[in-house]
Amino acid sequence: MEKRARLSLYLRDDKFRRQIKVAAAKRGLSISDYCNKAIERQLMQDGELSVRDVFAATEGYRASVIARMDKLREEIGPVDSSVAELIKEGRRR
């Protein structure tokens, strides 16, 4: 797994932190991932970061996620249902 840099910052108050936490949860993200995306967006808007930079920085992470997914698929084995049936079942829930 790639080494990640750490950044500590002070937020204006606890209410702001809770708002960030709720927004991240609504999107299924950790607070760190949510903040990273927000900072990346701002850096791109400011012209300090290009889409190519973001893609290059996340490529190693994506490769590790894909490797973990492949391993999980091997552990689970074949699924007895077709993809269409699984989608229909998911929609019924």
Protein backbone atom coordinates (compact mmCIF):
# COMPACT_ATOMS: atom_id res chain seq x y z
CA MET A 1 0.00 0.00 0.00
CA GLU A 2 1.23 3.48 -0.77
CA LYS A 3 2.52 5.77 1.96
CA ARG A 4 0.21 8.67 2.62
CA ALA A 5 1.22 12.07 3.94
CA ARG A 6 -0.51 13.43 7.02
CA LEU A 7 -1.91 16.94 7.44
CA SER A 8 -3.43 18.28 10.64
CA LEU A 9 -5.68 21.29 10.51
CA TYR A 10 -7.90 23.19 12.87
CA LEU A 11 -11.55 23.61 11.93
CA ARG A 12 -13.55 26.64 12.96
CA ASP A 13 -15.79 24.68 15.37
CA ASP A 14 -17.37 21.31 16.18
CA LYS A 15 -20.47 22.08 14.13
CA PHE A 16 -18.32 22.46 11.00
CA ARG A 17 -16.63 19.12 11.75
CA ARG A 18 -20.03 17.44 12.12
CA GLN A 19 -21.17 18.94 8.80
CA ILE A 20 -18.09 17.49 7.11
CA LYS A 21 -18.66 14.12 8.77
CA VAL A 22 -22.31 14.01 7.64
CA ALA A 23 -21.46 15.08 4.08
CA ALA A 24 -18.76 12.39 3.87
CA ALA A 25 -21.10 9.71 5.24
CA LYS A 26 -23.84 10.63 2.74
CA ARG A 27 -21.33 9.92 -0.03
CA GLY A 28 -19.97 6.76 1.57
CA LEU A 29 -16.55 8.36 2.11
CA SER A 30 -14.25 8.69 5.07
CA ILE A 31 -13.66 12.20 6.34
CA SER A 32 -10.11 12.02 4.97
CA ASP A 33 -11.28 10.99 1.49
CA TYR A 34 -13.99 13.65 1.49
CA CYS A 35 -11.50 16.37 2.48
CA ASN A 36 -8.92 15.12 -0.02
CA LYS A 37 -11.47 15.41 -2.83
CA ALA A 38 -12.49 18.91 -1.71
CA ILE A 39 -8.87 20.06 -1.53
CA GLU A 40 -8.07 18.50 -4.93
CA ARG A 41 -11.06 20.30 -6.46
CA GLN A 42 -9.93 23.63 -5.00
CA LEU A 43 -6.32 23.12 -6.14
CA MET A 44 -7.52 22.35 -9.68
CA GLN A 45 -9.76 25.41 -9.64
CA ASP A 46 -6.79 27.53 -8.49
CA GLY A 47 -4.62 26.08 -11.26
CA GLU A 48 -2.21 24.46 -8.79
CA LEU A 49 -3.10 20.88 -9.77
CA SER A 50 -4.05 19.23 -13.05
CA VAL A 51 -6.35 16.30 -13.66
CA ARG A 52 -3.25 14.38 -14.79
CA ASP A 53 -1.64 15.02 -11.37
CA VAL A 54 -4.70 13.68 -9.55
CA PHE A 55 -4.88 10.61 -11.77
CA ALA A 56 -1.17 9.85 -11.31
CA ALA A 57 -1.44 10.21 -7.53
CA THR A 58 -4.44 7.90 -7.28
CA GLU A 59 -3.30 5.24 -9.79
CA GLY A 60 -1.28 3.31 -7.18
CA TYR A 61 -4.25 3.35 -4.81
CA ARG A 62 -6.60 2.16 -7.55
CA ALA A 63 -4.24 -0.68 -8.43
CA SER A 64 -4.15 -1.82 -4.79
CA VAL A 65 -7.96 -1.71 -4.56
CA ILE A 66 -8.30 -3.74 -7.76
CA ALA A 67 -5.82 -6.30 -6.43
CA ARG A 68 -7.80 -6.63 -3.18
CA MET A 69 -11.06 -7.01 -5.13
CA ASP A 70 -9.54 -9.75 -7.30
CA LYS A 71 -8.36 -11.59 -4.20
CA LEU A 72 -11.82 -11.33 -2.65
CA ARG A 73 -13.42 -12.67 -5.85
CA GLU A 74 -11.08 -15.67 -5.72
CA GLU A 75 -11.98 -16.32 -2.07
CA ILE A 76 -15.74 -16.05 -2.68
CA GLY A 77 -15.71 -18.14 -5.83
CA PRO A 78 -18.28 -18.13 -8.60
CA VAL A 79 -21.71 -16.62 -8.00
CA ASP A 80 -24.60 -18.91 -8.89
CA SER A 81 -26.81 -16.13 -10.24
CA SER A 82 -26.56 -14.04 -13.37
CA VAL A 83 -25.70 -10.39 -13.03
CA ALA A 84 -29.16 -9.42 -14.28
CA GLU A 85 -30.79 -11.53 -11.53
CA LEU A 86 -28.56 -9.98 -8.87
CA ILE A 87 -29.46 -6.48 -10.06
CA LYS A 88 -33.18 -7.28 -10.00
CA GLU A 89 -32.86 -8.71 -6.50
CA GLY A 90 -30.99 -5.62 -5.33
CA ARG A 91 -33.67 -3.34 -6.73
CA ARG A 92 -36.42 -5.29 -4.93
CA ARG A 93 -34.75 -4.67 -1.57
